[in-house]
């Protein structure tokens, strides 16, 4: 049962990244006053943010799944 939710979370992260990049281009003029020394549509900064988001999303799925697989079910049920 663990591979299903993990796959869904990873695919959501992958498919929502282009949506986030599009929103960042559309909202860039509103946050341009908050940025210093970085243009609002800097491709390198957007690529770095998208890469960081994908890495965090990719690591957020397997780590809890690995911990859940190692847990003894009877011990967990007795604890409740």
C-alpha atoms as a PDB file:
ATOM      1  CA  UNK A   1       0.000   0.000   0.000  1.00  0.00           C
ATOM      2  CA  UNK A   2       2.960   2.350   0.441  1.00  0.00           C
ATOM      3  CA  UNK A   3       3.918   2.725  -3.267  1.00  0.00           C
ATOM      4  CA  UNK A   4       0.522   4.180  -4.266  1.00  0.00           C
ATOM      5  CA  UNK A   5       0.533   7.352  -2.132  1.00  0.00           C
ATOM      6  CA  UNK A   6       4.245   7.905  -2.737  1.00  0.00           C
ATOM      7  CA  UNK A   7       3.799   7.758  -6.480  1.00  0.00           C
ATOM      8  CA  UNK A   8       0.864  10.158  -6.322  1.00  0.00           C
ATOM      9  CA  UNK A   9       2.772  12.710  -4.217  1.00  0.00           C
ATOM     10  CA  UNK A  10       5.780  12.605  -6.540  1.00  0.00           C
ATOM     11  CA  UNK A  11       3.650  13.015  -9.638  1.00  0.00           C
ATOM     12  CA  UNK A  12       1.771  15.920  -8.047  1.00  0.00           C
ATOM     13  CA  UNK A  13       5.080  17.637  -7.358  1.00  0.00           C
ATOM     14  CA  UNK A  14       6.222  17.029 -10.908  1.00  0.00           C
ATOM     15  CA  UNK A  15       3.033  18.240 -12.571  1.00  0.00           C
ATOM     16  CA  UNK A  16       2.570  21.303 -10.352  1.00  0.00           C
ATOM     17  CA  UNK A  17       6.053  22.694 -10.998  1.00  0.00           C
ATOM     18  CA  UNK A  18       5.165  24.152 -14.427  1.00  0.00           C
ATOM     19  CA  UNK A  19       2.051  25.660 -12.870  1.00  0.00           C
ATOM     20  CA  UNK A  20       4.197  27.306 -10.192  1.00  0.00           C
ATOM     21  CA  UNK A  21       6.633  28.653 -12.753  1.00  0.00           C
ATOM     22  CA  UNK A  22       3.766  30.147 -14.754  1.00  0.00           C
ATOM     23  CA  UNK A  23       2.337  31.757 -11.627  1.00  0.00           C
ATOM     24  CA  UNK A  24       5.738  33.174 -10.725  1.00  0.00           C
ATOM     25  CA  UNK A  25       5.996  34.846 -14.127  1.00  0.00           C
ATOM     26  CA  UNK A  26       2.510  36.304 -13.758  1.00  0.00           C
ATOM     27  CA  UNK A  27       3.038  37.555 -10.195  1.00  0.00           C
ATOM     28  CA  UNK A  28       6.617  38.767 -10.663  1.00  0.00           C
ATOM     29  CA  UNK A  29       5.724  42.433 -10.959  1.00  0.00           C
ATOM     30  CA  UNK A  30       3.996  42.348  -7.553  1.00  0.00           C
ATOM     31  CA  UNK A  31       7.086  41.019  -5.764  1.00  0.00           C
ATOM     32  CA  UNK A  32       9.676  42.953  -7.760  1.00  0.00           C
ATOM     33  CA  UNK A  33       9.905  45.521  -4.945  1.00  0.00           C
ATOM     34  CA  UNK A  34      10.923  42.781  -2.493  1.00  0.00           C
ATOM     35  CA  UNK A  35      13.774  41.423  -4.611  1.00  0.00           C
ATOM     36  CA  UNK A  36      17.248  42.925  -4.393  1.00  0.00           C
ATOM     37  CA  UNK A  37      19.921  42.376  -7.036  1.00  0.00           C
ATOM     38  CA  UNK A  38      17.743  39.764  -8.792  1.00  0.00           C
ATOM     39  CA  UNK A  39      15.473  40.612 -11.718  1.00  0.00           C
ATOM     40  CA  UNK A  40      11.880  39.356 -11.263  1.00  0.00           C
ATOM     41  CA  UNK A  41      12.071  36.912 -14.204  1.00  0.00           C
ATOM     42  CA  UNK A  42      15.629  35.675 -13.733  1.00  0.00           C
ATOM     43  CA  UNK A  43      15.701  32.217 -15.367  1.00  0.00           C
ATOM     44  CA  UNK A  44      18.559  30.962 -13.183  1.00  0.00           C
ATOM     45  CA  UNK A  45      16.732  31.869  -9.963  1.00  0.00           C
ATOM     46  CA  UNK A  46      13.497  30.278 -11.208  1.00  0.00           C
ATOM     47  CA  UNK A  47      15.334  27.130 -12.252  1.00  0.00           C
ATOM     48  CA  UNK A  48      17.072  26.923  -8.873  1.00  0.00           C
ATOM     49  CA  UNK A  49      13.755  27.322  -7.034  1.00  0.00           C
ATOM     50  CA  UNK A  50      12.060  24.682  -9.199  1.00  0.00           C
ATOM     51  CA  UNK A  51      14.962  22.263  -8.713  1.00  0.00           C
ATOM     52  CA  UNK A  52      14.908  22.756  -4.950  1.00  0.00           C
ATOM     53  CA  UNK A  53      11.146  22.212  -4.876  1.00  0.00           C
ATOM     54  CA  UNK A  54      11.444  18.977  -6.879  1.00  0.00           C
ATOM     55  CA  UNK A  55      14.254  17.693  -4.653  1.00  0.00           C
ATOM     56  CA  UNK A  56      12.294  18.365  -1.466  1.00  0.00           C
ATOM     57  CA  UNK A  57       9.177  16.795  -2.977  1.00  0.00           C
ATOM     58  CA  UNK A  58      11.170  13.787  -4.116  1.00  0.00           C
ATOM     59  CA  UNK A  59      12.640  13.241  -0.655  1.00  0.00           C
ATOM     60  CA  UNK A  60       9.350  13.812   1.156  1.00  0.00           C
ATOM     61  CA  UNK A  61       7.882  10.564  -0.176  1.00  0.00           C
ATOM     62  CA  UNK A  62      10.444   7.783   0.298  1.00  0.00           C
ATOM     63  CA  UNK A  63      11.680   8.720   3.785  1.00  0.00           C
ATOM     64  CA  UNK A  64       8.312   8.292   5.592  1.00  0.00           C
ATOM     65  CA  UNK A  65       7.556   5.207   3.495  1.00  0.00           C
ATOM     66  CA  UNK A  66      10.847   3.601   4.508  1.00  0.00           C
ATOM     67  CA  UNK A  67      10.149   4.316   8.175  1.00  0.00           C
ATOM     68  CA  UNK A  68       6.648   2.880   7.862  1.00  0.00           C
ATOM     69  CA  UNK A  69       7.956  -0.316   6.276  1.00  0.00           C
ATOM     70  CA  UNK A  70      10.430  -0.848   9.124  1.00  0.00           C
ATOM     71  CA  UNK A  71       7.770  -0.469  11.821  1.00  0.00           C
ATOM     72  CA  UNK A  72       6.475  -3.676  13.352  1.00  0.00           C
ATOM     73  CA  UNK A  73       2.692  -3.671  12.955  1.00  0.00           C
ATOM     74  CA  UNK A  74       1.955  -5.487  16.202  1.00  0.00           C
ATOM     75  CA  UNK A  75       4.109  -3.056  18.195  1.00  0.00           C
ATOM     76  CA  UNK A  76       2.333  -0.107  16.613  1.00  0.00           C
ATOM     77  CA  UNK A  77      -1.096  -1.599  17.327  1.00  0.00           C
ATOM     78  CA  UNK A  78      -0.229  -2.365  20.936  1.00  0.00           C
ATOM     79  CA  UNK A  79       0.971   1.211  21.448  1.00  0.00           C
ATOM     80  CA  UNK A  80      -2.441   2.555  20.527  1.00  0.00           C
END
